[in-house]
Amino acid sequence: MRTLLLSFAIVGLLCGCSSKSDYGEARGIVCDATMNTVTIVTDDNDTLSFSTVDTDKSGVDGLLLGDTAEITYRGRYEKGMGALKMVSYPQRALLGGDRDEYGCIGSAGYVWSVVSQDCIRVFEKGIRTESVRGDNRSVYIVFSPDSSQVELFFSDGQPNEILERRTLPSGGFAWNVEDDDTYMLEKCGNEWLVSRGGKVLYASTGCENQLKAEFVGAKGEKLSAVFFTQAGVAQIRYNGIDYLLRQYVTASGYGYRNPLADIRGKGQQVTLSLAGNDTSIDFVEQK
């Protein structure tokens, strides 16, 4: 198991994003600001935070929540990175021409929420999850007042999804719709996870807290696994099918399962068992 965890850690480091030497720009509404930091929400509902300790602020004449800020930075965005330059534009007085059909003021960051039946700022009311692929996409989770529904706001422009709360056989709740190919939201351990078709797409910590491994069987069978360490969840792929498994206590090693699949592992060895199949398959971790 020690060797397995070591290789997990090495692969986990590769999950991060490679740096670039060019410059980037971000524009959005200021949702938080201190003497040395600023946080903006872009038109794509991405929340970006920057350090302003050494920032050129010659284009800033006071900064208030709701103002628009343009920020220049160097390299690929990382949370809390230093901003090179910031220019701000005070929130303009609105006479109603900026309101949408629901009366929401878009330039101030307000959008209509079906489950809230109100104009909201998703960065204020929602819970942010980030893409597990590290591609800067995000989803905000907004619950209805009684938590019976949840609305997903996607940063990539796809339509919102509304999910219904359901009780799980094992206890607890998940939010989805009856069609298995739709999105599902669950609270697993310390993380909110948004999945679809057995694959985790968004998590509270994005591509952090992931460990990846590849395994091979005696006949060349392949099994890939992604372990979400804060959530107690493993995503495996075998024979072209994805399975999302929950961790359970074992006498030694580790175990993850759902009603269709079960994996037990110790050291570099993993055994896969599938429902309806009396034969288990043994795998060895690939170096």
Protein backbone atom coordinates (compact mmCIF):
# COMPACT_ATOMS: atom_id res chain seq x y z
CA MET A 1 0.00 0.00 0.00
CA ARG A 2 2.93 2.31 0.69
CA THR A 3 4.18 1.91 -2.88
CA LEU A 4 0.68 2.45 -4.21
CA LEU A 5 0.22 5.64 -2.23
CA LEU A 6 3.61 6.90 -3.36
CA SER A 7 2.73 6.43 -7.00
CA PHE A 8 -0.66 8.01 -6.30
CA ALA A 9 1.06 11.06 -4.87
CA ILE A 10 3.34 11.37 -7.90
CA VAL A 11 0.45 11.19 -10.32
CA GLY A 12 -1.56 13.55 -8.14
CA LEU A 13 1.12 16.16 -8.59
CA LEU A 14 0.61 15.89 -12.34
CA CYS A 15 -3.01 16.89 -11.92
CA GLY A 16 -1.98 20.51 -11.52
CA CYS A 17 -1.87 22.95 -14.35
CA SER A 18 1.31 23.71 -16.22
CA SER A 19 2.43 27.33 -16.12
CA LYS A 20 2.61 29.65 -19.09
CA SER A 21 4.86 32.63 -19.64
CA ASP A 22 2.27 34.84 -21.37
CA TYR A 23 -0.08 37.36 -19.84
CA GLY A 24 -3.74 36.88 -19.01
CA GLU A 25 -6.61 39.27 -18.43
CA ALA A 26 -9.74 38.88 -16.38
CA ARG A 27 -12.76 41.13 -16.09
CA GLY A 28 -15.55 40.81 -13.59
CA ILE A 29 -17.61 42.24 -10.78
CA VAL A 30 -15.87 42.82 -7.46
CA CYS A 31 -17.48 40.57 -4.84
CA ASP A 32 -14.80 40.91 -2.14
CA ALA A 33 -11.87 43.22 -1.53
CA THR A 34 -9.37 43.87 1.24
CA MET A 35 -6.26 46.00 1.47
CA ASN A 36 -4.17 43.28 -0.23
CA THR A 37 -6.67 41.10 -2.11
CA VAL A 38 -9.51 41.36 -4.60
CA THR A 39 -12.04 38.76 -5.76
CA ILE A 40 -14.10 39.12 -8.91
CA VAL A 41 -16.83 37.09 -10.60
CA THR A 42 -16.58 36.93 -14.39
CA ASP A 43 -19.41 36.79 -16.92
CA ASP A 44 -18.88 33.00 -16.93
CA ASN A 45 -19.57 32.88 -13.16
CA ASP A 46 -15.93 32.04 -12.41
CA THR A 47 -14.71 33.41 -9.08
CA LEU A 48 -11.10 34.63 -9.33
CA SER A 49 -9.02 35.85 -6.39
CA PHE A 50 -5.81 37.88 -6.68
CA SER A 51 -3.21 39.35 -4.40
CA THR A 52 -2.82 43.10 -4.93
CA VAL A 53 0.27 43.65 -2.77
CA ASP A 54 2.50 44.66 -5.70
CA THR A 55 -0.24 45.55 -8.18
CA ASP A 56 -0.19 48.68 -10.33
CA LYS A 57 -3.35 50.42 -9.09
CA SER A 58 -2.95 53.68 -10.99
CA GLY A 59 -6.24 52.88 -12.76
CA VAL A 60 -8.15 52.43 -9.51
CA ASP A 61 -9.87 55.38 -7.87
CA GLY A 62 -11.44 53.69 -4.88
CA LEU A 63 -12.89 50.19 -5.12
CA LEU A 64 -16.37 49.17 -4.00
CA LEU A 65 -18.28 45.92 -4.09
CA GLY A 66 -20.23 45.77 -7.33
CA ASP A 67 -17.62 47.72 -9.29
CA THR A 68 -16.17 46.18 -12.43
CA ALA A 69 -12.46 45.39 -12.38
CA GLU A 70 -10.05 44.47 -15.16
CA ILE A 71 -6.99 42.56 -13.96
CA THR A 72 -3.81 41.67 -15.81
CA TYR A 73 -1.71 38.76 -14.55
CA ARG A 74 1.14 36.62 -15.78
CA GLY A 75 0.97 32.87 -16.46
CA ARG A 76 -1.95 30.53 -15.94
CA TYR A 77 -4.44 31.61 -13.31
CA GLU A 78 -3.98 30.21 -9.82
CA LYS A 79 -6.03 31.19 -6.82
CA GLY A 80 -4.40 34.03 -4.89
CA MET A 81 -1.77 34.79 -7.55
CA GLY A 82 -0.42 38.31 -7.85
CA ALA A 83 -2.15 40.78 -10.13
CA LEU A 84 0.19 42.91 -12.24
CA LYS A 85 -2.29 45.69 -12.98
CA MET A 86 -5.86 46.51 -12.03
CA VAL A 87 -8.29 49.01 -13.53
CA SER A 88 -11.70 49.59 -11.97
CA TYR A 89 -14.95 51.04 -13.29
CA PRO A 90 -17.51 52.25 -10.73
CA GLN A 91 -20.92 50.62 -10.83
CA ARG A 92 -23.03 52.83 -13.00
CA ALA A 93 -26.45 54.09 -12.02
CA LEU A 94 -29.13 51.94 -13.62
CA LEU A 95 -32.55 53.20 -14.65
CA GLY A 96 -34.03 49.81 -15.49
CA GLY A 97 -32.65 49.42 -19.03
CA ASP A 98 -30.18 46.82 -17.78
CA ARG A 99 -32.85 44.59 -16.29
CA ASP A 100 -33.78 41.29 -17.91
CA GLU A 101 -37.30 39.86 -18.24
CA TYR A 102 -37.29 38.92 -14.56
CA GLY A 103 -36.06 42.32 -13.42
CA CYS A 104 -32.52 41.08 -12.66
CA ILE A 105 -29.71 43.60 -13.16
CA GLY A 106 -27.09 41.70 -15.14
CA SER A 107 -24.32 44.31 -14.92
CA ALA A 108 -24.48 44.02 -11.12
CA GLY A 109 -24.09 40.26 -11.30
CA TYR A 110 -27.72 39.28 -10.74
CA VAL A 111 -29.34 36.34 -12.53
CA TRP A 112 -32.70 34.65 -12.18
CA SER A 113 -32.84 31.47 -10.11
CA VAL A 114 -35.77 29.15 -10.71
CA VAL A 115 -35.42 27.30 -7.41
CA SER A 116 -35.04 30.53 -5.44
CA GLN A 117 -37.68 32.40 -7.44
CA ASP A 118 -35.54 35.47 -7.08
CA CYS A 119 -32.71 37.45 -8.64
CA ILE A 120 -29.49 36.28 -7.02
CA ARG A 121 -25.75 36.63 -7.29
CA VAL A 122 -24.59 33.04 -7.57
CA PHE A 123 -21.23 33.87 -6.00
CA GLU A 124 -23.08 35.07 -2.89
CA LYS A 125 -25.79 32.43 -2.58
CA GLY A 126 -24.27 29.43 -4.34
CA ILE A 127 -21.65 26.84 -3.45
CA ARG A 128 -18.77 26.79 -5.92
CA THR A 129 -17.40 23.56 -7.35
CA GLU A 130 -14.53 23.36 -9.81
CA SER A 131 -13.77 21.07 -12.71
CA VAL A 132 -11.75 18.01 -11.69
CA ARG A 133 -9.81 18.37 -14.96
CA GLY A 134 -8.25 21.67 -13.94
CA ASP A 135 -9.65 23.53 -16.97
CA ASN A 136 -11.02 26.52 -14.99
CA ARG A 137 -14.66 25.56 -15.52
CA SER A 138 -16.96 25.72 -12.52
CA VAL A 139 -20.50 25.03 -11.35
CA TYR A 140 -22.36 26.94 -8.66
CA ILE A 141 -24.88 24.99 -6.58
CA VAL A 142 -27.99 26.89 -5.44
CA PHE A 143 -30.54 25.18 -3.20
CA SER A 144 -34.23 25.93 -2.91
CA PRO A 145 -35.36 27.22 0.52
CA ASP A 146 -36.38 23.70 1.64
CA SER A 147 -33.43 21.99 -0.14
CA SER A 148 -35.84 19.77 -2.10
CA GLN A 149 -34.36 21.11 -5.35
CA VAL A 150 -30.99 22.32 -6.47
CA GLU A 151 -30.08 24.44 -9.48
CA LEU A 152 -26.70 24.10 -11.20
CA PHE A 153 -25.21 27.22 -12.80
CA PHE A 154 -22.47 26.33 -15.32
CA SER A 155 -19.62 28.69 -16.15
CA ASP A 156 -19.30 27.37 -19.72
CA GLY A 157 -22.69 28.75 -20.75
CA GLN A 158 -24.70 25.53 -20.88
CA PRO A 159 -28.30 25.76 -19.61
CA ASN A 160 -28.95 25.46 -15.89
CA GLU A 161 -29.95 22.05 -14.56
CA ILE A 162 -32.59 21.58 -11.86
CA LEU A 163 -32.26 18.41 -9.78
CA GLU A 164 -34.65 16.82 -7.29
CA ARG A 165 -33.68 15.52 -3.86
CA ARG A 166 -33.87 11.75 -3.42
CA THR A 167 -33.17 9.49 -0.47
CA LEU A 168 -30.35 7.01 -1.06
CA PRO A 169 -30.77 3.32 -0.11
CA SER A 170 -27.70 3.65 2.10
CA GLY A 171 -29.10 6.75 3.80
CA GLY A 172 -28.47 10.41 3.12
CA PHE A 173 -29.54 12.34 0.05
CA ALA A 174 -28.58 12.96 -3.54
CA TRP A 175 -30.02 15.37 -6.07
CA ASN A 176 -30.68 14.14 -9.61
CA VAL A 177 -33.51 13.26 -12.00
CA GLU A 178 -34.84 9.84 -12.90
CA ASP A 179 -32.79 9.55 -16.09
CA ASP A 180 -29.46 7.95 -15.15
CA ASP A 181 -27.60 9.98 -17.79
CA THR A 182 -28.25 13.31 -16.06
CA TYR A 183 -26.23 15.16 -13.48
CA MET A 184 -26.15 14.07 -9.86
CA LEU A 185 -25.10 16.07 -6.81
CA GLU A 186 -23.91 14.47 -3.57
CA LYS A 187 -22.15 15.51 -0.39
CA CYS A 188 -19.39 12.94 0.10
CA GLY A 189 -17.21 13.43 3.15
CA ASN A 190 -16.05 17.04 3.05
CA GLU A 191 -16.77 17.55 -0.65
CA TRP A 192 -19.67 18.36 -2.90
CA LEU A 193 -19.42 16.27 -6.06
CA VAL A 194 -21.24 16.76 -9.36
CA SER A 195 -21.16 13.61 -11.46
CA ARG A 196 -22.72 12.20 -14.60
CA GLY A 197 -22.74 8.65 -15.90
CA GLY A 198 -20.41 7.42 -13.16
CA LYS A 199 -17.81 10.15 -13.70
CA VAL A 200 -17.07 13.01 -11.32
CA LEU A 201 -17.02 16.28 -13.25
CA TYR A 202 -16.88 18.92 -10.52
CA ALA A 203 -15.73 18.89 -6.91
CA SER A 204 -15.42 21.44 -4.11
CA THR A 205 -11.62 21.29 -4.39
CA GLY A 206 -11.44 20.82 -8.15
CA CYS A 207 -8.42 18.82 -9.26
CA GLU A 208 -6.87 18.88 -5.81
CA ASN A 209 -7.09 15.87 -3.48
CA GLN A 210 -7.04 13.37 -6.35
CA LEU A 211 -4.85 10.29 -6.62
CA LYS A 212 -4.70 8.38 -9.90
CA ALA A 213 -3.52 4.89 -10.74
CA GLU A 214 -3.53 2.41 -13.63
CA PHE A 215 -3.75 -1.35 -13.16
CA VAL A 216 -3.31 -4.31 -15.51
CA GLY A 217 -4.64 -7.87 -15.21
CA ALA A 218 -2.97 -11.18 -16.05
CA LYS A 219 -4.72 -11.30 -19.44
CA GLY A 220 -4.02 -7.67 -20.25
CA GLU A 221 -7.22 -6.30 -18.75
CA LYS A 222 -6.98 -2.64 -17.81
CA LEU A 223 -8.45 -0.82 -14.85
CA SER A 224 -8.02 2.89 -14.22
CA ALA A 225 -8.89 4.57 -10.94
CA VAL A 226 -9.18 8.07 -9.54
CA PHE A 227 -9.41 8.35 -5.76
CA PHE A 228 -11.02 11.50 -4.33
CA THR A 229 -9.32 11.48 -0.95
CA GLN A 230 -11.48 14.08 0.81
CA ALA A 231 -14.73 12.56 -0.41
CA GLY A 232 -14.04 8.87 0.25
CA VAL A 233 -14.97 8.08 -3.35
CA ALA A 234 -13.22 6.17 -6.12
CA GLN A 235 -14.03 6.48 -9.80
CA ILE A 236 -12.96 3.41 -11.78
CA ARG A 237 -13.16 2.55 -15.47
CA TYR A 238 -13.20 -1.05 -16.65
CA ASN A 239 -14.15 -2.44 -20.05
CA GLY A 240 -15.38 0.97 -21.20
CA ILE A 241 -17.75 1.48 -18.24
CA ASP A 242 -17.35 4.04 -15.45
CA TYR A 243 -18.29 3.21 -11.87
CA LEU A 244 -18.49 5.59 -8.93
CA LEU A 245 -17.71 3.71 -5.71
CA ARG A 246 -17.94 4.61 -2.02
CA GLN A 247 -15.25 3.69 0.48
CA TYR A 248 -15.97 1.11 3.15
CA VAL A 249 -14.02 -0.24 6.09
CA THR A 250 -11.87 -3.33 5.53
CA ALA A 251 -9.72 -5.38 7.89
CA SER A 252 -6.65 -4.34 5.92
CA GLY A 253 -5.95 -2.36 2.76
CA TYR A 254 -8.86 -0.43 1.28
CA GLY A 255 -12.23 -1.07 -0.31
CA TYR A 256 -14.71 0.83 -2.49
CA ARG A 257 -18.04 -0.39 -3.84
CA ASN A 258 -21.49 0.30 -5.20
CA PRO A 259 -24.28 -2.18 -6.08
CA LEU A 260 -22.56 -3.05 -9.37
CA ALA A 261 -18.85 -3.15 -8.60
CA ASP A 262 -16.40 -3.67 -5.74
CA ILE A 263 -12.65 -3.16 -5.53
CA ARG A 264 -10.38 -4.36 -2.73
CA GLY A 265 -6.75 -3.31 -2.67
CA LYS A 266 -3.58 -3.73 -0.69
CA GLY A 267 -0.10 -2.68 -1.74
CA GLN A 268 0.10 -2.88 -5.54
CA GLN A 269 -2.71 -5.46 -5.81
CA VAL A 270 -6.35 -4.70 -6.59
CA THR A 271 -9.22 -7.17 -7.00
CA LEU A 272 -12.34 -6.21 -8.96
CA SER A 273 -15.68 -7.96 -8.46
CA LEU A 274 -18.74 -7.21 -10.60
CA ALA A 275 -22.38 -7.95 -9.79
CA GLY A 276 -23.67 -11.02 -11.65
CA ASN A 277 -20.15 -12.32 -12.25
CA ASP A 278 -18.87 -15.05 -9.95
CA THR A 279 -15.28 -14.49 -11.07
CA SER A 280 -13.07 -11.77 -9.59
CA ILE A 281 -10.24 -10.19 -11.56
CA ASP A 282 -6.86 -9.47 -10.02
CA PHE A 283 -4.84 -6.47 -11.12
CA VAL A 284 -1.35 -5.15 -10.46
CA GLU A 285 -0.49 -1.47 -10.44
CA GLN A 286 1.42 -0.27 -13.48
CA LYS A 287 4.60 1.65 -12.72
